[in-house]
């Protein structure tokens, strides 16, 4: 028997609030913080006094949690997210969905057990342009995500979630091998063993104390990425690139079309023998710590698949076919740059090869830099800037005349691309048209 399809919630009508479990969770947090900070100190006044004060704090927390839950209402109306806050004094905020940069669904361990999700909206405008819904029912969060992405694309808010096509599911063995075959991890592991053997051999426990920083480094550099990307899966859908990962805290990240500004393909020394690479990107809307944790599009993948993803993100180009020209005076074993009608590509590195790609339509600033040392060498560096992120596209070691030619070529193509590109807003209506 085929199960009946789930009804699509219309977020454009009625009143929508966070899940009711948000209230007791907030109360537990407030009471827990009170007992942890002040509870031990107040024990000097007697247990009855602490119990009475805890009841008073709980009562205030219940009123505050109920007021916060009841006072927050939201709906999707006329291509905007409408938020209303307040009980006695109401405050309305209308957020144009044209500013929507990315939509993430995060599920910490406790929320996973309670079948709740946190929905994060990344908006254009900087560090203060993030909206969080803590917490929603899992299905409600997924449907609200679909409604927001559909409205931002110019479709009806009742449009069901767009279908997706599986793009890549990371093999666990490949992840372990790639995380282990990195020079810092191997060096830390070898030094850890050497210290352990030396401490036992000479019978000096103090030597073993040096193992603690190495263990912490291995946890951060090996175990933490392993737990984060163990369940990594990428999918392509009409509403953007969907990434799912996280063993302890699951996360679903959706990057709408046109929001990736620049891409970097990283190939460490030992990874090149395996034919794998990592793909990072500058995604508009993410800043600070959220920018770094959301910049990885493919943690470990075959190199051909990494190039294929870049072609997906920047339609109209074939990155592997862009002709690269070596620098006049390269600073490393690899120092080259190339350009076509869609993208500007650079490649550099001695031990770790890095390929950086930026679409002309995403270039915000093109500049030529000549420092004191470069004047002596007779070289210049060309920078093509995008919104902030880990990727900084630059071509170094160029002859000054060649560098000026690159600047002119990029500026010309960027101007033409911006005139021909209408932006990622309401992209679905243009496809249908």
Protein backbone atom coordinates (compact mmCIF):
# COMPACT_ATOMS: atom_id res chain seq x y z
CA UNK A 1 0.00 0.00 0.00
CA UNK A 2 1.43 3.37 -1.07
CA UNK A 3 1.50 5.85 1.84
CA UNK A 4 -0.49 9.04 1.42
CA UNK A 5 1.65 12.08 0.57
CA UNK A 6 2.28 14.48 3.42
CA UNK A 7 0.19 17.66 3.19
CA UNK A 8 2.16 20.77 2.28
CA UNK A 9 1.89 23.47 4.93
CA UNK A 10 0.93 26.88 3.54
CA UNK A 11 3.18 29.29 5.42
CA UNK A 12 1.58 32.27 3.66
CA UNK A 13 -1.65 31.97 5.66
CA UNK A 14 -2.49 31.71 9.34
CA UNK A 15 -0.23 32.08 12.34
CA UNK A 16 2.90 29.93 12.59
CA UNK A 17 4.97 29.61 15.72
CA UNK A 18 7.93 27.63 16.95
CA UNK A 19 7.41 24.16 18.40
CA UNK A 20 5.89 24.20 21.89
CA UNK A 21 8.89 22.22 23.21
CA UNK A 22 10.91 25.42 22.80
CA UNK A 23 9.36 26.69 26.06
CA UNK A 24 10.45 23.89 28.44
CA UNK A 25 13.87 23.77 26.77
CA UNK A 26 14.41 27.47 27.45
CA UNK A 27 13.25 27.04 31.04
CA UNK A 28 15.67 24.16 31.57
CA UNK A 29 18.54 26.25 30.21
CA UNK A 30 17.76 29.22 32.48
CA UNK A 31 17.32 27.09 35.60
CA UNK A 32 20.42 25.04 34.80
CA UNK A 33 22.56 28.16 34.37
CA UNK A 34 21.19 29.62 37.62
CA UNK A 35 21.98 26.47 39.60
CA UNK A 36 25.43 26.12 38.04
CA UNK A 37 26.43 29.74 38.64
CA UNK A 38 24.70 30.70 41.89
CA UNK A 39 23.43 27.44 43.36
CA UNK A 40 26.63 26.40 45.17
CA UNK A 41 27.14 29.88 46.63
CA UNK A 42 23.55 30.11 47.89
CA UNK A 43 23.83 26.77 49.74
CA UNK A 44 25.31 28.74 52.65
CA UNK A 45 21.81 30.20 53.22
CA UNK A 46 20.27 26.77 53.54
CA UNK A 47 18.64 24.29 51.18
CA UNK A 48 15.06 25.61 51.72
CA UNK A 49 16.17 29.10 50.65
CA UNK A 50 17.85 27.71 47.51
CA UNK A 51 14.73 25.65 46.69
CA UNK A 52 12.46 28.68 47.14
CA UNK A 53 14.70 30.90 45.01
CA UNK A 54 14.92 28.19 42.34
CA UNK A 55 11.12 28.02 42.21
CA UNK A 56 10.98 31.80 41.78
CA UNK A 57 13.55 31.68 38.96
CA UNK A 58 11.63 28.84 37.35
CA UNK A 59 8.40 30.84 37.48
CA UNK A 60 10.02 33.87 35.87
CA UNK A 61 11.65 31.63 33.26
CA UNK A 62 8.28 30.01 32.45
CA UNK A 63 6.65 33.42 31.94
CA UNK A 64 9.56 34.62 29.80
CA UNK A 65 9.64 31.43 27.72
CA UNK A 66 5.87 31.53 27.13
CA UNK A 67 6.00 35.20 26.19
CA UNK A 68 8.86 34.59 23.77
CA UNK A 69 7.11 31.61 22.20
CA UNK A 70 3.68 33.23 21.98
CA UNK A 71 5.01 36.57 20.80
CA UNK A 72 6.99 35.20 17.81
CA UNK A 73 4.89 34.60 14.70
CA UNK A 74 6.01 34.18 11.12
CA UNK A 75 4.71 33.63 7.61
CA UNK A 76 5.81 33.91 3.99
CA UNK A 77 3.99 36.70 2.17
CA UNK A 78 4.66 38.46 -1.15
CA UNK A 79 8.20 37.17 -1.63
CA UNK A 80 9.13 38.14 1.93
CA UNK A 81 9.45 36.50 5.31
CA UNK A 82 7.27 38.37 7.80
CA UNK A 83 8.30 38.13 11.47
CA UNK A 84 6.19 39.54 14.30
CA UNK A 85 7.60 39.75 17.81
CA UNK A 86 6.24 40.93 21.13
CA UNK A 87 3.21 40.40 23.36
CA UNK A 88 2.23 43.81 24.71
CA UNK A 89 4.10 45.78 22.08
CA UNK A 90 4.34 44.13 18.70
CA UNK A 91 7.21 44.64 16.29
CA UNK A 92 6.93 43.50 12.65
CA UNK A 93 9.90 42.79 10.38
CA UNK A 94 9.67 42.05 6.67
CA UNK A 95 12.70 40.32 5.14
CA UNK A 96 12.83 40.23 1.30
CA UNK A 97 13.63 36.71 0.18
CA UNK A 98 15.81 38.17 -2.57
CA UNK A 99 18.39 38.58 0.24
CA UNK A 100 18.28 34.86 1.02
CA UNK A 101 21.78 33.41 0.60
CA UNK A 102 21.60 29.96 2.18
CA UNK A 103 19.27 27.80 4.27
CA UNK A 104 20.62 25.31 6.82
CA UNK A 105 18.87 22.76 9.00
CA UNK A 106 20.88 21.86 12.11
CA UNK A 107 19.99 19.06 14.52
CA UNK A 108 22.06 18.84 17.73
CA UNK A 109 22.01 15.46 19.53
CA UNK A 110 19.21 16.34 21.98
CA UNK A 111 17.11 17.88 19.21
CA UNK A 112 17.64 14.75 17.13
CA UNK A 113 16.16 12.64 19.92
CA UNK A 114 13.20 15.03 20.26
CA UNK A 115 12.65 15.12 16.47
CA UNK A 116 13.26 18.88 16.42
CA UNK A 117 15.39 21.01 14.10
CA UNK A 118 16.91 24.45 14.05
CA UNK A 119 16.42 26.37 10.80
CA UNK A 120 19.08 28.97 9.98
CA UNK A 121 18.61 31.56 7.26
CA UNK A 122 21.69 33.35 5.96
CA UNK A 123 20.86 36.74 4.46
CA UNK A 124 22.91 39.27 2.56
CA UNK A 125 24.14 42.01 4.82
CA UNK A 126 26.84 40.70 7.17
CA UNK A 127 27.19 39.25 10.63
CA UNK A 128 23.79 40.40 11.93
CA UNK A 129 21.86 39.03 8.96
CA UNK A 130 21.07 35.58 10.30
CA UNK A 131 17.63 34.41 11.37
CA UNK A 132 17.27 31.30 13.52
CA UNK A 133 14.12 29.35 14.25
CA UNK A 134 14.70 27.43 17.50
CA UNK A 135 13.02 25.02 17.34
CA UNK A 136 10.68 23.54 14.72
CA UNK A 137 9.30 20.10 14.17
CA UNK A 138 11.59 18.28 11.75
CA UNK A 139 8.98 18.06 8.97
CA UNK A 140 7.89 21.65 9.54
CA UNK A 141 11.51 22.82 9.25
CA UNK A 142 11.96 20.94 5.98
CA UNK A 143 8.70 22.32 4.57
CA UNK A 144 9.54 25.88 5.65
CA UNK A 145 12.94 25.51 4.00
CA UNK A 146 11.26 24.37 0.77
CA UNK A 147 8.72 27.22 0.97
CA UNK A 148 11.41 29.87 1.45
CA UNK A 149 13.55 28.54 -1.39
CA UNK A 150 10.53 28.28 -3.69
CA UNK A 151 9.42 31.84 -2.90
CA UNK A 152 12.96 33.14 -3.41
CA UNK A 153 12.95 31.43 -6.82
CA UNK A 154 9.66 33.11 -7.77
CA UNK A 155 7.43 30.06 -7.26
CA UNK A 156 4.45 29.55 -5.00
CA UNK A 157 5.21 29.09 -1.33
CA UNK A 158 3.09 25.93 -1.44
CA UNK A 159 5.45 24.35 -3.95
CA UNK A 160 6.68 21.02 -2.49
CA UNK A 161 10.36 20.41 -1.92
CA UNK A 162 12.29 20.19 -5.18
CA UNK A 163 13.47 16.71 -6.17
CA UNK A 164 17.15 16.02 -5.87
CA UNK A 165 19.73 13.93 -7.66
CA UNK A 166 22.42 12.20 -5.62
CA UNK A 167 25.77 13.62 -6.59
CA UNK A 168 28.30 12.14 -4.19
CA UNK A 169 28.31 9.98 -1.07
CA UNK A 170 31.72 9.85 0.56
CA UNK A 171 33.11 6.34 1.17
CA UNK A 172 34.17 5.97 4.79
CA UNK A 173 37.45 4.30 3.86
CA UNK A 174 38.38 7.19 1.57
CA UNK A 175 37.67 9.68 4.34
CA UNK A 176 39.87 7.84 6.85
CA UNK A 177 42.68 7.47 4.35
CA UNK A 178 42.56 11.11 3.26
CA UNK A 179 42.41 12.45 6.83
CA UNK A 180 45.34 10.24 7.84
CA UNK A 181 47.48 10.93 4.76
CA UNK A 182 48.19 14.54 5.59
CA UNK A 183 51.67 15.69 6.53
CA UNK A 184 50.65 17.43 9.81
CA UNK A 185 48.68 14.37 10.98
CA UNK A 186 51.44 11.93 10.07
CA UNK A 187 54.09 14.14 11.72
CA UNK A 188 52.02 14.52 14.90
CA UNK A 189 51.39 10.77 15.04
CA UNK A 190 55.08 9.93 14.52
CA UNK A 191 56.14 12.44 17.18
CA UNK A 192 53.53 11.05 19.56
CA UNK A 193 54.92 7.53 19.19
CA UNK A 194 58.50 8.80 19.55
CA UNK A 195 57.69 10.63 22.79
CA UNK A 196 55.87 7.62 24.16
CA UNK A 197 58.78 5.28 23.41
CA UNK A 198 61.30 7.79 24.80
CA UNK A 199 59.30 8.28 27.99
CA UNK A 200 59.09 4.56 28.61
CA UNK A 201 62.72 3.95 27.61
CA UNK A 202 64.24 6.57 29.93
CA UNK A 203 61.60 6.13 32.62
CA UNK A 204 60.82 9.84 32.70
CA UNK A 205 57.07 10.53 33.09
CA UNK A 206 57.64 14.22 32.32
CA UNK A 207 58.40 13.35 28.71
CA UNK A 208 54.94 11.87 28.43
CA UNK A 209 53.49 15.29 29.25
CA UNK A 210 54.48 16.43 25.79
CA UNK A 211 52.05 13.90 24.36
CA UNK A 212 49.00 15.87 25.53
CA UNK A 213 49.30 18.74 23.00
CA UNK A 214 49.89 16.19 20.26
CA UNK A 215 46.80 14.23 21.29
CA UNK A 216 44.73 17.41 21.26
CA UNK A 217 46.12 18.25 17.84
CA UNK A 218 45.22 14.80 16.51
CA UNK A 219 41.70 15.12 17.91
CA UNK A 220 41.29 18.45 16.17
CA UNK A 221 43.01 17.51 12.92
CA UNK A 222 41.90 13.88 12.52
CA UNK A 223 39.08 12.78 14.82
CA UNK A 224 36.99 15.96 14.61
CA UNK A 225 36.82 16.03 10.77
CA UNK A 226 36.18 12.29 10.79
CA UNK A 227 33.10 12.68 13.00
CA UNK A 228 31.94 15.74 11.09
CA UNK A 229 32.08 14.28 7.57
CA UNK A 230 31.52 10.59 8.28
CA UNK A 231 27.99 10.72 6.84
CA UNK A 232 28.70 13.31 4.13
CA UNK A 233 26.38 13.28 1.14
CA UNK A 234 25.90 15.85 -1.63
CA UNK A 235 22.92 16.21 -3.94
CA UNK A 236 21.97 18.50 -6.81
CA UNK A 237 18.47 19.96 -6.92
CA UNK A 238 16.77 22.84 -8.77
CA UNK A 239 16.86 24.92 -5.57
CA UNK A 240 20.62 24.51 -5.17
CA UNK A 241 23.39 22.33 -3.82
CA UNK A 242 22.33 20.25 -0.82
CA UNK A 243 24.92 18.97 1.64
CA UNK A 244 24.16 16.59 4.51
CA UNK A 245 26.79 15.71 7.11
CA UNK A 246 27.49 15.42 10.83
CA UNK A 247 27.45 12.38 13.09
CA UNK A 248 27.13 14.12 16.46
CA UNK A 249 25.28 17.17 15.14
CA UNK A 250 23.56 16.53 11.82
CA UNK A 251 23.29 19.38 9.37
CA UNK A 252 21.58 19.95 6.02
CA UNK A 253 23.01 22.89 4.10
CA UNK A 254 21.30 24.27 1.00
CA UNK A 255 23.12 26.79 -1.19
CA UNK A 256 20.72 28.33 -3.76
CA UNK A 257 21.86 28.78 -7.38
CA UNK A 258 24.27 31.62 -7.99
CA UNK A 259 25.29 32.12 -4.36
CA UNK A 260 28.75 30.54 -4.66
CA UNK A 261 31.17 33.37 -5.36
CA UNK A 262 34.57 31.67 -5.72
CA UNK A 263 35.86 28.10 -5.45
CA UNK A 264 39.15 26.54 -4.39
CA UNK A 265 40.32 23.00 -5.20
CA UNK A 266 42.99 21.90 -2.70
CA UNK A 267 45.31 18.97 -3.46
CA UNK A 268 47.80 18.21 -0.66
CA UNK A 269 51.01 16.38 -1.54
CA UNK A 270 49.93 12.88 -0.49
CA UNK A 271 46.40 13.32 -1.81
CA UNK A 272 47.66 13.80 -5.36
CA UNK A 273 48.90 10.21 -5.36
CA UNK A 274 45.35 9.13 -4.46
CA UNK A 275 43.81 11.39 -7.10
CA UNK A 276 41.56 13.17 -4.59
CA UNK A 277 40.98 16.80 -3.63
CA UNK A 278 38.96 19.09 -1.34
CA UNK A 279 36.58 21.76 -2.63
CA UNK A 280 36.06 24.97 -0.66
CA UNK A 281 34.04 28.05 -1.59
CA UNK A 282 33.12 31.58 -0.66
CA UNK A 283 29.37 31.44 -0.12
CA UNK A 284 27.61 34.78 0.13
CA UNK A 285 25.95 35.36 3.49
CA UNK A 286 28.25 33.31 5.71
CA UNK A 287 30.61 35.28 7.94
CA UNK A 288 32.88 34.58 10.92
CA UNK A 289 32.93 31.07 12.32
CA UNK A 290 29.87 30.10 10.29
CA UNK A 291 31.75 31.05 7.15
CA UNK A 292 34.59 28.63 7.88
CA UNK A 293 32.37 25.71 8.87
CA UNK A 294 30.16 26.19 5.80
CA UNK A 295 32.87 26.76 3.20
CA UNK A 296 33.65 23.08 2.50
CA UNK A 297 31.55 21.78 -0.38
CA UNK A 298 33.39 18.46 -0.81
CA UNK A 299 35.70 17.38 2.06
CA UNK A 300 37.34 14.57 0.05
CA UNK A 301 36.40 13.56 -3.48
CA UNK A 302 38.01 12.28 -6.68
CA UNK A 303 39.64 15.13 -8.55
CA UNK A 304 37.46 14.67 -11.63
CA UNK A 305 34.36 14.97 -9.46
CA UNK A 306 35.70 18.14 -7.85
CA UNK A 307 36.19 19.69 -11.29
CA UNK A 308 32.72 18.54 -12.31
CA UNK A 309 31.21 20.31 -9.30
CA UNK A 310 32.95 23.56 -10.21
CA UNK A 311 31.47 23.27 -13.70
CA UNK A 312 28.05 22.78 -12.09
CA UNK A 313 28.47 25.86 -9.91
CA UNK A 314 29.71 28.04 -12.78
CA UNK A 315 27.65 26.97 -15.83
CA UNK A 316 29.15 27.63 -19.21
CA UNK A 317 32.72 26.68 -18.41
CA UNK A 318 34.99 23.65 -18.42
CA UNK A 319 37.66 24.40 -15.82
CA UNK A 320 39.98 21.61 -16.91
CA UNK A 321 40.00 23.06 -20.45
CA UNK A 322 40.99 26.60 -19.43
CA UNK A 323 44.49 27.18 -20.77
CA UNK A 324 46.85 28.20 -17.97
CA UNK A 325 49.99 30.27 -18.56
CA UNK A 326 52.96 29.97 -16.22
CA UNK A 327 54.19 33.05 -14.42
CA UNK A 328 57.27 34.85 -15.70
CA UNK A 329 59.00 34.35 -12.36
CA UNK A 330 57.04 31.71 -10.44
CA UNK A 331 57.28 31.67 -6.67
CA UNK A 332 56.59 27.92 -6.50
CA UNK A 333 56.63 24.73 -8.50
CA UNK A 334 53.18 25.63 -9.84
CA UNK A 335 52.24 29.25 -10.53
CA UNK A 336 49.89 29.72 -13.48
CA UNK A 337 46.74 31.59 -14.48
CA UNK A 338 44.18 31.46 -17.26
CA UNK A 339 40.95 33.06 -18.38
CA UNK A 340 37.97 32.24 -20.56
CA UNK A 341 34.64 33.96 -21.18
CA UNK A 342 33.15 32.70 -17.90
CA UNK A 343 35.85 32.31 -15.24
CA UNK A 344 39.32 33.36 -14.13
CA UNK A 345 41.48 30.44 -12.94
CA UNK A 346 44.75 30.40 -10.99
CA UNK A 347 46.92 27.51 -9.81
CA UNK A 348 49.84 27.68 -7.42
CA UNK A 349 51.70 25.79 -4.70
CA UNK A 350 54.86 23.81 -4.09
CA UNK A 351 53.78 20.83 -2.00
CA UNK A 352 50.05 21.60 -1.81
CA UNK A 353 48.56 22.51 -5.17
CA UNK A 354 45.67 24.98 -5.06
CA UNK A 355 43.37 25.81 -7.96
CA UNK A 356 41.15 28.88 -7.50
CA UNK A 357 38.23 29.77 -9.73
CA UNK A 358 36.01 32.86 -9.78
CA UNK A 359 33.22 33.66 -12.22
CA UNK A 360 33.56 37.04 -13.92
CA UNK A 361 30.01 37.89 -12.83
CA UNK A 362 31.05 37.46 -9.18
CA UNK A 363 34.20 39.59 -9.29
CA UNK A 364 33.81 42.63 -7.04
CA UNK A 365 37.26 44.19 -7.35
CA UNK A 366 40.23 43.64 -9.64
CA UNK A 367 43.53 45.09 -8.43
CA UNK A 368 47.21 44.98 -9.28
CA UNK A 369 49.76 44.95 -6.46
CA UNK A 370 53.51 45.58 -6.63
CA UNK A 371 55.44 45.41 -3.35
CA UNK A 372 59.08 46.34 -2.64
CA UNK A 373 60.36 42.79 -3.15
CA UNK A 374 58.30 42.45 -6.31
CA UNK A 375 59.81 45.67 -7.69
CA UNK A 376 63.25 44.16 -7.25
CA UNK A 377 62.16 40.98 -9.02
CA UNK A 378 60.21 42.85 -11.70
CA UNK A 379 56.93 41.06 -10.94
CA UNK A 380 53.36 41.94 -9.97
CA UNK A 381 50.35 40.20 -8.44
CA UNK A 382 46.78 40.38 -9.72
CA UNK A 383 43.95 39.97 -7.19
CA UNK A 384 40.34 39.29 -8.14
CA UNK A 385 38.26 39.83 -5.00
CA UNK A 386 34.93 38.25 -4.14
CA UNK A 387 32.80 38.46 -0.96
CA UNK A 388 34.75 37.40 2.17
CA UNK A 389 35.72 33.76 2.53
CA UNK A 390 38.64 31.35 2.55
CA UNK A 391 39.21 31.72 -1.20
CA UNK A 392 41.34 34.62 -2.41
CA UNK A 393 41.98 34.41 -6.14
CA UNK A 394 45.36 35.81 -7.10
CA UNK A 395 47.95 35.38 -9.84
CA UNK A 396 51.47 36.13 -8.62
CA UNK A 397 54.88 36.30 -10.27
CA UNK A 398 53.51 37.99 -13.40
CA UNK A 399 55.40 40.37 -15.62
CA UNK A 400 53.96 43.89 -14.97
CA UNK A 401 52.86 44.30 -18.60
CA UNK A 402 51.23 40.87 -18.53
CA UNK A 403 49.59 41.70 -15.19
CA UNK A 404 48.01 44.86 -16.63
CA UNK A 405 46.75 42.80 -19.54
CA UNK A 406 45.14 40.32 -17.13
CA UNK A 407 43.49 43.15 -15.20
CA UNK A 408 42.05 44.65 -18.40
CA UNK A 409 40.84 41.26 -19.63
CA UNK A 410 39.13 40.40 -16.33
CA UNK A 411 37.52 43.85 -16.00
CA UNK A 412 36.19 43.70 -19.56
CA UNK A 413 34.71 40.24 -19.12
CA UNK A 414 33.35 41.05 -15.66
CA UNK A 415 31.52 44.10 -17.01
CA UNK A 416 30.03 42.09 -19.85
CA UNK A 417 29.06 39.23 -17.53
CA UNK A 418 27.31 41.58 -15.11
CA UNK A 419 25.32 43.15 -17.93
CA UNK A 420 24.25 39.73 -19.19
CA UNK A 421 23.58 38.25 -15.73
CA UNK A 422 20.41 39.36 -13.96
CA UNK A 423 21.32 37.74 -10.66
CA UNK A 424 20.08 34.73 -8.71
CA UNK A 425 16.79 36.32 -7.56
CA UNK A 426 13.58 34.63 -8.80
CA UNK A 427 15.66 32.34 -11.00
CA UNK A 428 12.85 29.80 -11.54
CA UNK A 429 10.58 32.35 -13.26
CA UNK A 430 13.29 33.09 -15.82
CA UNK A 431 13.75 29.37 -16.52
CA UNK A 432 10.03 28.93 -17.10
CA UNK A 433 9.96 32.02 -19.27
